[in-house]
Amino acid sequence: MYIWSTTTTNYLMDADQEAVARRLLDEDVISEKEFAEVKAYRSLAIFSLHNELQFLLYLSVLLFTTGAGILIYQNIDTIGHAVILALLLAVCGVCYYLSFKNSLGFSPEAIDFEHPVYNYLVLAATILSCIFIGYLQFQYRPFGAEISIPTFLSAAVALATAYCFDNRSALSIGLTGLAAAIGITVTPKALLENDFFDNPALFYYGIALGFVLIVWAEYSERTNLKKHFSLIFLVFAQHLICICSITGIFGDYWWLYAIFLAAATVYFYQKSHLLWSTAMFVFVLIYGYIGLNILLFKVFDLIAAYQFYEALTLLAPLYFIGSIFLFIRAIKQFNKKTDDSVR
C-alpha cells in the first residue's frame, strides 16, 4: 500500500493517465520519485470499490425504509397504530442518537463522519422521520385537514438534519418537501389528470420558491455557511423556475413567464461557468431551447404565418440538425474550458 505525499500524484492516480504524468515530469511539475510511484501504482491494476460500496449502502437504506412501509401496510390491523408509531419513533431516536454520538459537531464548513456508514444512518433517520410525521398526520390528524403543515414540518426536519450532519441526501429530501408543501407535486398521476397545468398559482409559487433558493444560495456563498450546498439549491431552483416558466408560457400571461425564463437562463448560464457545473449548463441549453421554440411558434401564430408553413416544414429538419450540432458543440467547448480550468 502506497502513501502519496502530494495532491498532484493523487489526481494522476485517479485520472490514470501516464501520458499526463510524463508531461508533468518533463515540465518539472513532479519529481522522478513521484512519477515512479504513479507507474508502480498503475502496474498493480488496483481499482476502488468505494463507489460500489456506497451504492450498496444507499440501496440498503432505501430497501429498509421501503420494507418498513410495506410491513406497516400489510400488518396495520394486527400491530396497531400506536405500536407502529412508537417503533418508528424508537428507530428514529436510535439513528439520531448514534449520529450525534459520532458527529464532529456543527460547522459552517464541509465536514464528514470518520466512517461513511453514518451518513447513511442519517439518511435512514431522515426518511423514517418523514414517514413518522406522515403516518401520524394520516391516522390521527393532529394538524387538522391541512396537509401542507406536516409536509412543511417534514421538510424542516430534513433541512435541519442536513445542516447539522452535513448530509446532501437529507438536503434534497428537505427541498423536495418544501416544493410539496406549497403544492408542487408533479407525479405521473398529476400530469395525466392535468392537475399541475390547471393551477396557474402553482407556477408563481414555484418561481417564488426558486427565487428564495437562489437568494439563500448566494447568501451561503458570501457568508461561507455550508457553501458546498449552494449547487444543490441552485439545481433545485433552476428546475423549479424553468419548468414553471415553460409551463406558464402556454397560458395567457405567456410574456411574463418568458421574461422569467430568459432571466433564469442568463443567470444559470453564468453560474454554470462560475461553478463549472456541466449538468446545470446542459439544462440551461435544454430549457432555453424549449422556451425559444415555444415562443417562435407563438410568434408564427400571432403573425398568422400560415402561408409559410410549407417552407417552415421543409426547413425544420435543417433547423433541428443544426440545433443538435450546436448543442453538442457547446457542451464540448464547456467541458474543454472546465478541463483547462482544472489543469
C-alpha atoms as a PDB file:
ATOM      1  CA  MET A   1       0.000   0.000   0.000  1.00  0.00           C
ATOM      2  CA  TYR A   2       1.435   3.316  -1.067  1.00  0.00           C
ATOM      3  CA  ILE A   3       1.068   6.637   0.744  1.00  0.00           C
ATOM      4  CA  TRP A   4       1.153   9.672  -1.531  1.00  0.00           C
ATOM      5  CA  SER A   5       2.712  12.906  -0.421  1.00  0.00           C
ATOM      6  CA  THR A   6       1.174  15.380  -2.883  1.00  0.00           C
ATOM      7  CA  THR A   7      -2.244  16.137  -4.318  1.00  0.00           C
ATOM      8  CA  THR A   8      -0.775  16.048  -7.809  1.00  0.00           C
ATOM      9  CA  THR A   9       0.025  12.359  -7.596  1.00  0.00           C
ATOM     10  CA  ASN A  10      -3.432  11.699  -6.166  1.00  0.00           C
ATOM     11  CA  TYR A  11      -5.002  13.363  -9.191  1.00  0.00           C
ATOM     12  CA  LEU A  12      -2.821  11.351 -11.540  1.00  0.00           C
ATOM     13  CA  MET A  13      -3.777   8.065  -9.873  1.00  0.00           C
ATOM     14  CA  ASP A  14      -7.441   8.895 -10.272  1.00  0.00           C
ATOM     15  CA  ALA A  15      -7.049  10.159 -13.830  1.00  0.00           C
ATOM     16  CA  ASP A  16      -4.982   7.092 -14.755  1.00  0.00           C
ATOM     17  CA  GLN A  17      -3.081   8.911 -17.480  1.00  0.00           C
ATOM     18  CA  GLU A  18       0.578   8.067 -17.690  1.00  0.00           C
ATOM     19  CA  ALA A  19       0.978  10.420 -20.614  1.00  0.00           C
ATOM     20  CA  VAL A  20      -0.098  13.317 -18.431  1.00  0.00           C
ATOM     21  CA  ALA A  21       2.318  12.184 -15.744  1.00  0.00           C
ATOM     22  CA  ARG A  22       5.126  12.091 -18.299  1.00  0.00           C
ATOM     23  CA  ARG A  23       4.313  15.597 -19.480  1.00  0.00           C
ATOM     24  CA  LEU A  24       4.260  16.916 -15.921  1.00  0.00           C
ATOM     25  CA  LEU A  25       7.586  15.217 -15.312  1.00  0.00           C
ATOM     26  CA  ASP A  26       9.076  16.876 -18.395  1.00  0.00           C
ATOM     27  CA  GLU A  27       7.777  20.235 -17.144  1.00  0.00           C
ATOM     28  CA  ASP A  28       9.309  19.626 -13.686  1.00  0.00           C
ATOM     29  CA  VAL A  29       5.919  19.745 -12.005  1.00  0.00           C
ATOM     30  CA  ILE A  30       6.504  16.347 -10.351  1.00  0.00           C
ATOM     31  CA  SER A  31       9.703  14.626  -9.388  1.00  0.00           C
ATOM     32  CA  GLU A  32      11.181  11.368 -10.694  1.00  0.00           C
ATOM     33  CA  LYS A  33      10.202   9.666  -7.423  1.00  0.00           C
ATOM     34  CA  GLU A  34       6.573  10.729  -7.735  1.00  0.00           C
ATOM     35  CA  PHE A  35       6.486   9.610 -11.370  1.00  0.00           C
ATOM     36  CA  ALA A  36       7.892   6.206 -10.374  1.00  0.00           C
ATOM     37  CA  GLU A  37       5.212   5.921  -7.663  1.00  0.00           C
ATOM     38  CA  VAL A  38       2.487   6.607 -10.217  1.00  0.00           C
ATOM     39  CA  LYS A  39       3.851   3.949 -12.588  1.00  0.00           C
ATOM     40  CA  ALA A  40       4.218   1.433  -9.756  1.00  0.00           C
ATOM     41  CA  TYR A  41       0.663   2.015  -8.599  1.00  0.00           C
ATOM     42  CA  ARG A  42      -0.778   1.690 -12.106  1.00  0.00           C
ATOM     43  CA  SER A  43       1.129  -1.544 -12.639  1.00  0.00           C
ATOM     44  CA  LEU A  44      -0.775  -3.083  -9.700  1.00  0.00           C
ATOM     45  CA  ALA A  45      -4.051  -2.763 -11.647  1.00  0.00           C
ATOM     46  CA  ILE A  46      -5.914  -1.932  -8.440  1.00  0.00           C
ATOM     47  CA  PHE A  47      -9.403  -0.497  -8.690  1.00  0.00           C
ATOM     48  CA  SER A  48     -11.531   1.063  -5.975  1.00  0.00           C
ATOM     49  CA  LEU A  49     -14.798  -0.400  -4.685  1.00  0.00           C
ATOM     50  CA  HIS A  50     -15.638   2.819  -2.833  1.00  0.00           C
ATOM     51  CA  ASN A  51     -18.461   3.893  -5.141  1.00  0.00           C
ATOM     52  CA  GLU A  52     -19.913   0.388  -5.347  1.00  0.00           C
ATOM     53  CA  LEU A  53     -19.966   0.029  -1.572  1.00  0.00           C
ATOM     54  CA  GLN A  54     -21.579   3.433  -1.168  1.00  0.00           C
ATOM     55  CA  PHE A  55     -24.229   2.474  -3.695  1.00  0.00           C
ATOM     56  CA  LEU A  56     -24.952  -0.737  -1.781  1.00  0.00           C
ATOM     57  CA  LEU A  57     -25.250   1.229   1.469  1.00  0.00           C
ATOM     58  CA  TYR A  58     -27.637   3.688  -0.176  1.00  0.00           C
ATOM     59  CA  LEU A  59     -29.649   0.810  -1.644  1.00  0.00           C
ATOM     60  CA  SER A  60     -29.812  -0.906   1.742  1.00  0.00           C
ATOM     61  CA  VAL A  61     -31.272   2.245   3.337  1.00  0.00           C
ATOM     62  CA  LEU A  62     -33.903   2.511   0.609  1.00  0.00           C
ATOM     63  CA  LEU A  63     -34.776  -1.183   0.897  1.00  0.00           C
ATOM     64  CA  PHE A  64     -35.016  -0.939   4.688  1.00  0.00           C
ATOM     65  CA  THR A  65     -37.319   2.086   4.642  1.00  0.00           C
ATOM     66  CA  THR A  66     -39.397   0.573   1.818  1.00  0.00           C
ATOM     67  CA  GLY A  67     -39.655  -2.695   3.716  1.00  0.00           C
ATOM     68  CA  ALA A  68     -40.747  -0.817   6.823  1.00  0.00           C
ATOM     69  CA  GLY A  69     -43.511   0.865   4.831  1.00  0.00           C
ATOM     70  CA  ILE A  70     -44.685  -2.422   3.343  1.00  0.00           C
ATOM     71  CA  LEU A  71     -44.630  -4.098   6.758  1.00  0.00           C
ATOM     72  CA  ILE A  72     -46.742  -1.304   8.213  1.00  0.00           C
ATOM     73  CA  TYR A  73     -49.232  -1.506   5.353  1.00  0.00           C
ATOM     74  CA  GLN A  74     -49.642  -5.289   5.499  1.00  0.00           C
ATOM     75  CA  ASN A  75     -49.929  -5.546   9.302  1.00  0.00           C
ATOM     76  CA  ILE A  76     -51.634  -2.301  10.171  1.00  0.00           C
ATOM     77  CA  ASP A  77     -54.698  -4.006  11.647  1.00  0.00           C
ATOM     78  CA  THR A  78     -52.646  -6.534  13.596  1.00  0.00           C
ATOM     79  CA  ILE A  79     -49.916  -4.380  15.072  1.00  0.00           C
ATOM     80  CA  GLY A  80     -51.905  -1.245  15.843  1.00  0.00           C
ATOM     81  CA  HIS A  81     -51.260   2.389  15.029  1.00  0.00           C
ATOM     82  CA  ALA A  82     -49.793   3.373  18.376  1.00  0.00           C
ATOM     83  CA  VAL A  83     -47.310   0.500  18.330  1.00  0.00           C
ATOM     84  CA  ILE A  84     -46.212   1.328  14.773  1.00  0.00           C
ATOM     85  CA  LEU A  85     -45.681   4.971  15.641  1.00  0.00           C
ATOM     86  CA  ALA A  86     -43.763   4.011  18.783  1.00  0.00           C
ATOM     87  CA  LEU A  87     -41.497   1.685  16.793  1.00  0.00           C
ATOM     88  CA  LEU A  88     -40.852   4.352  14.163  1.00  0.00           C
ATOM     89  CA  LEU A  89     -40.059   6.912  16.837  1.00  0.00           C
ATOM     90  CA  ALA A  90     -37.734   4.484  18.617  1.00  0.00           C
ATOM     91  CA  VAL A  91     -35.806   3.642  15.442  1.00  0.00           C
ATOM     92  CA  CYS A  92     -35.520   7.344  14.584  1.00  0.00           C
ATOM     93  CA  GLY A  93     -34.252   8.042  18.084  1.00  0.00           C
ATOM     94  CA  VAL A  94     -31.602   5.327  17.832  1.00  0.00           C
ATOM     95  CA  CYS A  95     -30.449   6.581  14.409  1.00  0.00           C
ATOM     96  CA  TYR A  96     -30.214  10.178  15.592  1.00  0.00           C
ATOM     97  CA  TYR A  97     -28.503   9.169  18.832  1.00  0.00           C
ATOM     98  CA  LEU A  98     -25.779   7.233  17.014  1.00  0.00           C
ATOM     99  CA  SER A  99     -25.401  10.049  14.502  1.00  0.00           C
ATOM    100  CA  PHE A 100     -25.000  12.715  17.203  1.00  0.00           C
ATOM    101  CA  LYS A 101     -22.654  10.467  19.163  1.00  0.00           C
ATOM    102  CA  ASN A 102     -20.290  10.032  16.222  1.00  0.00           C
ATOM    103  CA  SER A 103     -20.711  13.503  14.724  1.00  0.00           C
ATOM    104  CA  LEU A 104     -17.894  16.044  14.770  1.00  0.00           C
ATOM    105  CA  GLY A 105     -20.392  18.759  15.641  1.00  0.00           C
ATOM    106  CA  PHE A 106     -21.864  21.530  13.552  1.00  0.00           C
ATOM    107  CA  SER A 107     -19.537  23.521  11.353  1.00  0.00           C
ATOM    108  CA  PRO A 108     -20.265  26.041   8.575  1.00  0.00           C
ATOM    109  CA  GLU A 109     -17.525  24.330   6.587  1.00  0.00           C
ATOM    110  CA  ALA A 110     -17.785  20.929   4.918  1.00  0.00           C
ATOM    111  CA  ILE A 111     -17.392  18.134   7.479  1.00  0.00           C
ATOM    112  CA  ASP A 112     -17.867  14.398   7.413  1.00  0.00           C
ATOM    113  CA  PHE A 113     -18.082  11.431   9.739  1.00  0.00           C
ATOM    114  CA  GLU A 114     -14.972   9.431  10.390  1.00  0.00           C
ATOM    115  CA  HIS A 115     -16.809   6.451   8.908  1.00  0.00           C
ATOM    116  CA  PRO A 116     -19.085   6.938   5.851  1.00  0.00           C
ATOM    117  CA  VAL A 117     -21.685   4.457   7.116  1.00  0.00           C
ATOM    118  CA  TYR A 118     -23.040   7.131   9.479  1.00  0.00           C
ATOM    119  CA  ASN A 119     -24.046   9.266   6.502  1.00  0.00           C
ATOM    120  CA  TYR A 120     -26.478   6.547   5.525  1.00  0.00           C
ATOM    121  CA  LEU A 121     -27.649   6.254   9.120  1.00  0.00           C
ATOM    122  CA  VAL A 122     -28.534   9.964   8.921  1.00  0.00           C
ATOM    123  CA  LEU A 123     -30.361   9.315   5.644  1.00  0.00           C
ATOM    124  CA  ALA A 124     -32.347   6.494   7.267  1.00  0.00           C
ATOM    125  CA  ALA A 125     -33.214   8.746  10.217  1.00  0.00           C
ATOM    126  CA  THR A 126     -34.436  11.467   7.839  1.00  0.00           C
ATOM    127  CA  ILE A 127     -36.634   9.147   5.789  1.00  0.00           C
ATOM    128  CA  LEU A 128     -38.088   7.433   8.861  1.00  0.00           C
ATOM    129  CA  SER A 129     -38.805  10.831  10.450  1.00  0.00           C
ATOM    130  CA  CYS A 130     -40.781  11.859   7.379  1.00  0.00           C
ATOM    131  CA  ILE A 131     -42.635   8.534   7.462  1.00  0.00           C
ATOM    132  CA  PHE A 132     -43.434   9.054  11.139  1.00  0.00           C
ATOM    133  CA  ILE A 133     -44.806  12.584  10.591  1.00  0.00           C
ATOM    134  CA  GLY A 134     -46.813  11.500   7.560  1.00  0.00           C
ATOM    135  CA  TYR A 135     -48.264   8.447   9.277  1.00  0.00           C
ATOM    136  CA  LEU A 136     -49.113  10.453  12.386  1.00  0.00           C
ATOM    137  CA  GLN A 137     -50.978  13.015  10.290  1.00  0.00           C
ATOM    138  CA  PHE A 138     -52.758  10.373   8.217  1.00  0.00           C
ATOM    139  CA  GLN A 139     -54.002   8.416  11.210  1.00  0.00           C
ATOM    140  CA  TYR A 140     -54.607  10.990  13.958  1.00  0.00           C
ATOM    141  CA  ARG A 141     -54.651  14.327  12.061  1.00  0.00           C
ATOM    142  CA  PRO A 142     -53.010  16.453  14.786  1.00  0.00           C
ATOM    143  CA  PHE A 143     -52.734  19.310  12.267  1.00  0.00           C
ATOM    144  CA  GLY A 144     -56.306  19.030  11.064  1.00  0.00           C
ATOM    145  CA  ALA A 145     -57.132  18.564   7.410  1.00  0.00           C
ATOM    146  CA  GLU A 146     -54.252  20.823   6.268  1.00  0.00           C
ATOM    147  CA  ILE A 147     -51.657  18.564   4.635  1.00  0.00           C
ATOM    148  CA  SER A 148     -49.163  21.368   3.959  1.00  0.00           C
ATOM    149  CA  ILE A 149     -48.300  21.769   7.662  1.00  0.00           C
ATOM    150  CA  PRO A 150     -46.958  18.211   8.233  1.00  0.00           C
ATOM    151  CA  THR A 151     -45.260  18.356   4.842  1.00  0.00           C
ATOM    152  CA  PHE A 152     -43.509  21.566   5.804  1.00  0.00           C
ATOM    153  CA  LEU A 153     -42.618  20.052   9.187  1.00  0.00           C
ATOM    154  CA  SER A 154     -41.043  17.038   7.436  1.00  0.00           C
ATOM    155  CA  ALA A 155     -39.084  19.409   5.194  1.00  0.00           C
ATOM    156  CA  ALA A 156     -37.905  21.395   8.225  1.00  0.00           C
ATOM    157  CA  VAL A 157     -36.700  18.219   9.973  1.00  0.00           C
ATOM    158  CA  ALA A 158     -34.836  17.121   6.836  1.00  0.00           C
ATOM    159  CA  LEU A 159     -33.210  20.541   6.333  1.00  0.00           C
ATOM    160  CA  ALA A 160     -32.172  20.760   9.997  1.00  0.00           C
ATOM    161  CA  THR A 161     -30.683  17.266   9.732  1.00  0.00           C
ATOM    162  CA  ALA A 162     -28.840  18.219   6.545  1.00  0.00           C
ATOM    163  CA  TYR A 163     -27.211  21.261   8.119  1.00  0.00           C
ATOM    164  CA  CYS A 164     -26.467  19.522  11.400  1.00  0.00           C
ATOM    165  CA  PHE A 165     -24.763  16.485   9.858  1.00  0.00           C
ATOM    166  CA  ASP A 166     -23.704  17.984   6.506  1.00  0.00           C
ATOM    167  CA  ASN A 167     -25.800  15.475   4.569  1.00  0.00           C
ATOM    168  CA  ARG A 168     -26.677  16.250   0.947  1.00  0.00           C
ATOM    169  CA  SER A 169     -29.287  13.482   0.701  1.00  0.00           C
ATOM    170  CA  ALA A 170     -31.225  14.935   3.630  1.00  0.00           C
ATOM    171  CA  LEU A 171     -30.948  18.361   1.987  1.00  0.00           C
ATOM    172  CA  SER A 172     -32.505  17.025  -1.226  1.00  0.00           C
ATOM    173  CA  ILE A 173     -35.355  15.471   0.772  1.00  0.00           C
ATOM    174  CA  GLY A 174     -35.904  18.771   2.581  1.00  0.00           C
ATOM    175  CA  LEU A 175     -36.039  20.808  -0.632  1.00  0.00           C
ATOM    176  CA  THR A 176     -38.422  18.306  -2.203  1.00  0.00           C
ATOM    177  CA  GLY A 177     -40.588  18.609   0.898  1.00  0.00           C
ATOM    178  CA  LEU A 178     -40.611  22.404   0.571  1.00  0.00           C
ATOM    179  CA  ALA A 179     -41.864  22.130  -3.001  1.00  0.00           C
ATOM    180  CA  ALA A 180     -44.535  19.648  -1.895  1.00  0.00           C
ATOM    181  CA  ALA A 181     -45.565  21.939   0.971  1.00  0.00           C
ATOM    182  CA  ILE A 182     -46.540  24.701  -1.467  1.00  0.00           C
ATOM    183  CA  GLY A 183     -48.417  22.206  -3.629  1.00  0.00           C
ATOM    184  CA  ILE A 184     -45.871  21.322  -6.312  1.00  0.00           C
ATOM    185  CA  THR A 185     -46.006  17.545  -6.656  1.00  0.00           C
ATOM    186  CA  VAL A 186     -45.502  16.673 -10.307  1.00  0.00           C
ATOM    187  CA  THR A 187     -46.375  12.992 -10.167  1.00  0.00           C
ATOM    188  CA  PRO A 188     -47.327  10.916 -13.245  1.00  0.00           C
ATOM    189  CA  LYS A 189     -50.933  10.893 -11.980  1.00  0.00           C
ATOM    190  CA  ALA A 190     -50.963  14.686 -11.679  1.00  0.00           C
ATOM    191  CA  LEU A 191     -49.566  15.042 -15.206  1.00  0.00           C
ATOM    192  CA  LEU A 192     -52.121  12.659 -16.714  1.00  0.00           C
ATOM    193  CA  GLU A 193     -55.011  14.422 -14.970  1.00  0.00           C
ATOM    194  CA  ASN A 194     -53.627  17.928 -15.706  1.00  0.00           C
ATOM    195  CA  ASP A 195     -53.691  18.818 -12.011  1.00  0.00           C
ATOM    196  CA  PHE A 196     -50.437  20.736 -12.296  1.00  0.00           C
ATOM    197  CA  PHE A 197     -51.268  22.567 -15.516  1.00  0.00           C
ATOM    198  CA  ASP A 198     -54.769  23.601 -14.394  1.00  0.00           C
ATOM    199  CA  ASN A 199     -53.497  25.536 -11.376  1.00  0.00           C
ATOM    200  CA  PRO A 200     -51.606  28.643 -12.582  1.00  0.00           C
ATOM    201  CA  ALA A 201     -50.996  29.760  -8.991  1.00  0.00           C
ATOM    202  CA  LEU A 202     -48.534  26.886  -8.620  1.00  0.00           C
ATOM    203  CA  PHE A 203     -46.373  28.447 -11.326  1.00  0.00           C
ATOM    204  CA  TYR A 204     -45.974  31.613  -9.263  1.00  0.00           C
ATOM    205  CA  TYR A 205     -45.295  29.578  -6.116  1.00  0.00           C
ATOM    206  CA  GLY A 206     -42.639  27.529  -7.887  1.00  0.00           C
ATOM    207  CA  ILE A 207     -40.908  30.598  -9.314  1.00  0.00           C
ATOM    208  CA  ALA A 208     -41.065  32.331  -5.929  1.00  0.00           C
ATOM    209  CA  LEU A 209     -39.583  29.291  -4.163  1.00  0.00           C
ATOM    210  CA  GLY A 210     -36.855  29.091  -6.801  1.00  0.00           C
ATOM    211  CA  PHE A 211     -36.017  32.752  -6.214  1.00  0.00           C
ATOM    212  CA  VAL A 212     -35.818  32.142  -2.452  1.00  0.00           C
ATOM    213  CA  LEU A 213     -33.448  29.224  -3.037  1.00  0.00           C
ATOM    214  CA  ILE A 214     -31.249  31.415  -5.245  1.00  0.00           C
ATOM    215  CA  VAL A 215     -31.108  34.119  -2.586  1.00  0.00           C
ATOM    216  CA  TRP A 216     -30.181  31.564   0.074  1.00  0.00           C
ATOM    217  CA  ALA A 217     -27.515  30.003  -2.160  1.00  0.00           C
ATOM    218  CA  GLU A 218     -25.949  33.411  -2.792  1.00  0.00           C
ATOM    219  CA  TYR A 219     -26.092  34.203   0.926  1.00  0.00           C
ATOM    220  CA  SER A 220     -24.438  30.875   1.761  1.00  0.00           C
ATOM    221  CA  GLU A 221     -21.626  31.532  -0.692  1.00  0.00           C
ATOM    222  CA  ARG A 222     -20.962  35.004   0.665  1.00  0.00           C
ATOM    223  CA  THR A 223     -21.104  34.031   4.350  1.00  0.00           C
ATOM    224  CA  ASN A 224     -19.446  30.634   3.843  1.00  0.00           C
ATOM    225  CA  LEU A 225     -22.388  28.885   5.550  1.00  0.00           C
ATOM    226  CA  LYS A 226     -22.299  25.400   4.069  1.00  0.00           C
ATOM    227  CA  LYS A 227     -21.053  26.916   0.829  1.00  0.00           C
ATOM    228  CA  HIS A 228     -20.871  23.476  -0.789  1.00  0.00           C
ATOM    229  CA  PHE A 229     -24.680  23.193  -0.505  1.00  0.00           C
ATOM    230  CA  SER A 230     -25.211  26.105  -2.894  1.00  0.00           C
ATOM    231  CA  LEU A 231     -25.034  23.941  -6.016  1.00  0.00           C
ATOM    232  CA  ILE A 232     -27.905  21.751  -4.747  1.00  0.00           C
ATOM    233  CA  PHE A 233     -30.016  24.831  -4.002  1.00  0.00           C
ATOM    234  CA  LEU A 234     -29.285  26.234  -7.440  1.00  0.00           C
ATOM    235  CA  VAL A 235     -30.115  22.990  -9.232  1.00  0.00           C
ATOM    236  CA  PHE A 236     -33.495  22.799  -7.479  1.00  0.00           C
ATOM    237  CA  ALA A 237     -34.101  26.482  -8.213  1.00  0.00           C
ATOM    238  CA  GLN A 238     -33.211  26.012 -11.870  1.00  0.00           C
ATOM    239  CA  HIS A 239     -35.703  23.189 -12.371  1.00  0.00           C
ATOM    240  CA  LEU A 240     -38.454  24.943 -10.420  1.00  0.00           C
ATOM    241  CA  ILE A 241     -38.162  28.283 -12.215  1.00  0.00           C
ATOM    242  CA  CYS A 242     -37.613  26.894 -15.698  1.00  0.00           C
ATOM    243  CA  ILE A 243     -40.303  24.200 -15.586  1.00  0.00           C
ATOM    244  CA  CYS A 244     -42.878  26.585 -14.105  1.00  0.00           C
ATOM    245  CA  SER A 245     -41.932  29.288 -16.626  1.00  0.00           C
ATOM    246  CA  ILE A 246     -42.120  26.943 -19.609  1.00  0.00           C
ATOM    247  CA  THR A 247     -45.485  25.635 -18.451  1.00  0.00           C
ATOM    248  CA  GLY A 248     -46.738  29.187 -17.864  1.00  0.00           C
ATOM    249  CA  ILE A 249     -45.775  30.232 -21.405  1.00  0.00           C
ATOM    250  CA  PHE A 250     -48.721  28.200 -22.671  1.00  0.00           C
ATOM    251  CA  GLY A 251     -51.122  30.422 -20.676  1.00  0.00           C
ATOM    252  CA  ASP A 252     -52.486  33.910 -21.127  1.00  0.00           C
ATOM    253  CA  TYR A 253     -49.605  35.729 -19.469  1.00  0.00           C
ATOM    254  CA  TRP A 254     -47.003  33.986 -21.583  1.00  0.00           C
ATOM    255  CA  TRP A 255     -44.891  37.141 -21.990  1.00  0.00           C
ATOM    256  CA  LEU A 256     -44.375  37.385 -18.217  1.00  0.00           C
ATOM    257  CA  TYR A 257     -43.191  33.781 -17.962  1.00  0.00           C
ATOM    258  CA  ALA A 258     -40.965  34.342 -20.995  1.00  0.00           C
ATOM    259  CA  ILE A 259     -39.230  37.126 -19.053  1.00  0.00           C
ATOM    260  CA  PHE A 260     -38.792  34.810 -16.049  1.00  0.00           C
ATOM    261  CA  LEU A 261     -37.351  32.092 -18.281  1.00  0.00           C
ATOM    262  CA  ALA A 262     -34.988  34.489 -20.067  1.00  0.00           C
ATOM    263  CA  ALA A 263     -33.708  35.917 -16.776  1.00  0.00           C
ATOM    264  CA  ALA A 264     -33.240  32.409 -15.343  1.00  0.00           C
ATOM    265  CA  THR A 265     -31.406  31.270 -18.475  1.00  0.00           C
ATOM    266  CA  VAL A 266     -28.937  34.155 -18.273  1.00  0.00           C
ATOM    267  CA  TYR A 267     -28.392  33.721 -14.533  1.00  0.00           C
ATOM    268  CA  PHE A 268     -27.853  29.963 -14.585  1.00  0.00           C
ATOM    269  CA  TYR A 269     -25.664  30.231 -17.690  1.00  0.00           C
ATOM    270  CA  GLN A 270     -23.335  32.494 -15.730  1.00  0.00           C
ATOM    271  CA  LYS A 271     -23.483  30.317 -12.603  1.00  0.00           C
ATOM    272  CA  SER A 272     -22.730  27.164 -14.576  1.00  0.00           C
ATOM    273  CA  HIS A 273     -19.471  28.763 -15.711  1.00  0.00           C
ATOM    274  CA  LEU A 274     -18.626  30.039 -12.241  1.00  0.00           C
ATOM    275  CA  LEU A 275     -19.264  26.640 -10.637  1.00  0.00           C
ATOM    276  CA  TRP A 276     -18.128  24.613 -13.677  1.00  0.00           C
ATOM    277  CA  SER A 277     -21.327  22.559 -13.448  1.00  0.00           C
ATOM    278  CA  THR A 278     -21.879  20.604 -16.651  1.00  0.00           C
ATOM    279  CA  ALA A 279     -25.340  19.431 -15.550  1.00  0.00           C
ATOM    280  CA  MET A 280     -26.501  22.993 -14.919  1.00  0.00           C
ATOM    281  CA  PHE A 281     -25.110  24.112 -18.270  1.00  0.00           C
ATOM    282  CA  VAL A 282     -26.851  21.259 -20.122  1.00  0.00           C
ATOM    283  CA  PHE A 283     -30.212  22.095 -18.550  1.00  0.00           C
ATOM    284  CA  VAL A 284     -29.695  25.776 -19.368  1.00  0.00           C
ATOM    285  CA  LEU A 285     -29.416  24.794 -23.021  1.00  0.00           C
ATOM    286  CA  ILE A 286     -32.385  22.416 -22.850  1.00  0.00           C
ATOM    287  CA  TYR A 287     -34.774  24.771 -21.052  1.00  0.00           C
ATOM    288  CA  GLY A 288     -33.677  27.763 -23.103  1.00  0.00           C
ATOM    289  CA  TYR A 289     -34.121  25.811 -26.338  1.00  0.00           C
ATOM    290  CA  ILE A 290     -37.595  24.591 -25.374  1.00  0.00           C
ATOM    291  CA  GLY A 291     -38.685  28.075 -24.360  1.00  0.00           C
ATOM    292  CA  LEU A 292     -37.286  29.622 -27.537  1.00  0.00           C
ATOM    293  CA  ASN A 293     -39.161  27.174 -29.760  1.00  0.00           C
ATOM    294  CA  ILE A 294     -42.428  27.734 -27.906  1.00  0.00           C
ATOM    295  CA  LEU A 295     -42.017  31.486 -28.363  1.00  0.00           C
ATOM    296  CA  LEU A 296     -41.255  31.012 -32.070  1.00  0.00           C
ATOM    297  CA  PHE A 297     -44.491  29.089 -32.545  1.00  0.00           C
ATOM    298  CA  LYS A 298     -46.372  31.823 -30.683  1.00  0.00           C
ATOM    299  CA  VAL A 299     -44.834  34.475 -32.924  1.00  0.00           C
ATOM    300  CA  PHE A 300     -45.805  32.495 -36.029  1.00  0.00           C
ATOM    301  CA  ASP A 301     -49.312  32.203 -34.661  1.00  0.00           C
ATOM    302  CA  LEU A 302     -49.537  35.929 -33.886  1.00  0.00           C
ATOM    303  CA  ILE A 303     -48.444  36.995 -37.371  1.00  0.00           C
ATOM    304  CA  ALA A 304     -50.654  34.290 -38.925  1.00  0.00           C
ATOM    305  CA  ALA A 305     -47.788  32.915 -40.999  1.00  0.00           C
ATOM    306  CA  TYR A 306     -49.896  30.111 -42.454  1.00  0.00           C
ATOM    307  CA  GLN A 307     -48.569  30.707 -45.974  1.00  0.00           C
ATOM    308  CA  PHE A 308     -45.046  29.978 -44.751  1.00  0.00           C
ATOM    309  CA  TYR A 309     -45.870  26.658 -43.098  1.00  0.00           C
ATOM    310  CA  GLU A 310     -44.816  24.641 -46.129  1.00  0.00           C
ATOM    311  CA  ALA A 311     -41.435  26.372 -46.245  1.00  0.00           C
ATOM    312  CA  LEU A 312     -41.040  26.021 -42.486  1.00  0.00           C
ATOM    313  CA  THR A 313     -41.797  22.306 -42.751  1.00  0.00           C
ATOM    314  CA  LEU A 314     -39.040  21.916 -45.321  1.00  0.00           C
ATOM    315  CA  LEU A 315     -36.584  23.891 -43.201  1.00  0.00           C
ATOM    316  CA  ALA A 316     -37.471  22.104 -39.941  1.00  0.00           C
ATOM    317  CA  PRO A 317     -35.070  19.138 -40.451  1.00  0.00           C
ATOM    318  CA  LEU A 318     -32.173  21.504 -41.103  1.00  0.00           C
ATOM    319  CA  TYR A 319     -33.144  23.562 -38.066  1.00  0.00           C
ATOM    320  CA  PHE A 320     -33.191  20.571 -35.727  1.00  0.00           C
ATOM    321  CA  ILE A 321     -29.993  19.068 -37.150  1.00  0.00           C
ATOM    322  CA  GLY A 322     -28.264  22.410 -36.729  1.00  0.00           C
ATOM    323  CA  SER A 323     -29.615  22.664 -33.175  1.00  0.00           C
ATOM    324  CA  ILE A 324     -28.194  19.247 -32.290  1.00  0.00           C
ATOM    325  CA  PHE A 325     -24.837  20.182 -33.802  1.00  0.00           C
ATOM    326  CA  LEU A 326     -24.678  23.461 -31.847  1.00  0.00           C
ATOM    327  CA  PHE A 327     -25.824  21.694 -28.673  1.00  0.00           C
ATOM    328  CA  ILE A 328     -23.011  19.121 -28.862  1.00  0.00           C
ATOM    329  CA  ARG A 329     -20.501  21.799 -29.824  1.00  0.00           C
ATOM    330  CA  ALA A 330     -21.467  23.990 -26.871  1.00  0.00           C
ATOM    331  CA  ILE A 331     -21.097  21.105 -24.405  1.00  0.00           C
ATOM    332  CA  LYS A 332     -17.704  20.154 -25.828  1.00  0.00           C
ATOM    333  CA  GLN A 333     -16.463  23.718 -25.532  1.00  0.00           C
ATOM    334  CA  PHE A 334     -17.779  23.941 -21.973  1.00  0.00           C
ATOM    335  CA  ASN A 335     -16.045  20.699 -20.986  1.00  0.00           C
ATOM    336  CA  LYS A 336     -12.833  21.886 -22.622  1.00  0.00           C
ATOM    337  CA  LYS A 337     -12.960  25.115 -20.598  1.00  0.00           C
ATOM    338  CA  THR A 338     -13.625  23.068 -17.449  1.00  0.00           C
ATOM    339  CA  ASP A 339     -10.643  20.783 -18.125  1.00  0.00           C
ATOM    340  CA  ASP A 340      -8.396  23.776 -18.800  1.00  0.00           C
ATOM    341  CA  SER A 341      -9.549  25.390 -15.564  1.00  0.00           C
ATOM    342  CA  VAL A 342      -8.811  22.222 -13.562  1.00  0.00           C
ATOM    343  CA  ARG A 343      -5.354  21.989 -15.035  1.00  0.00           C
END
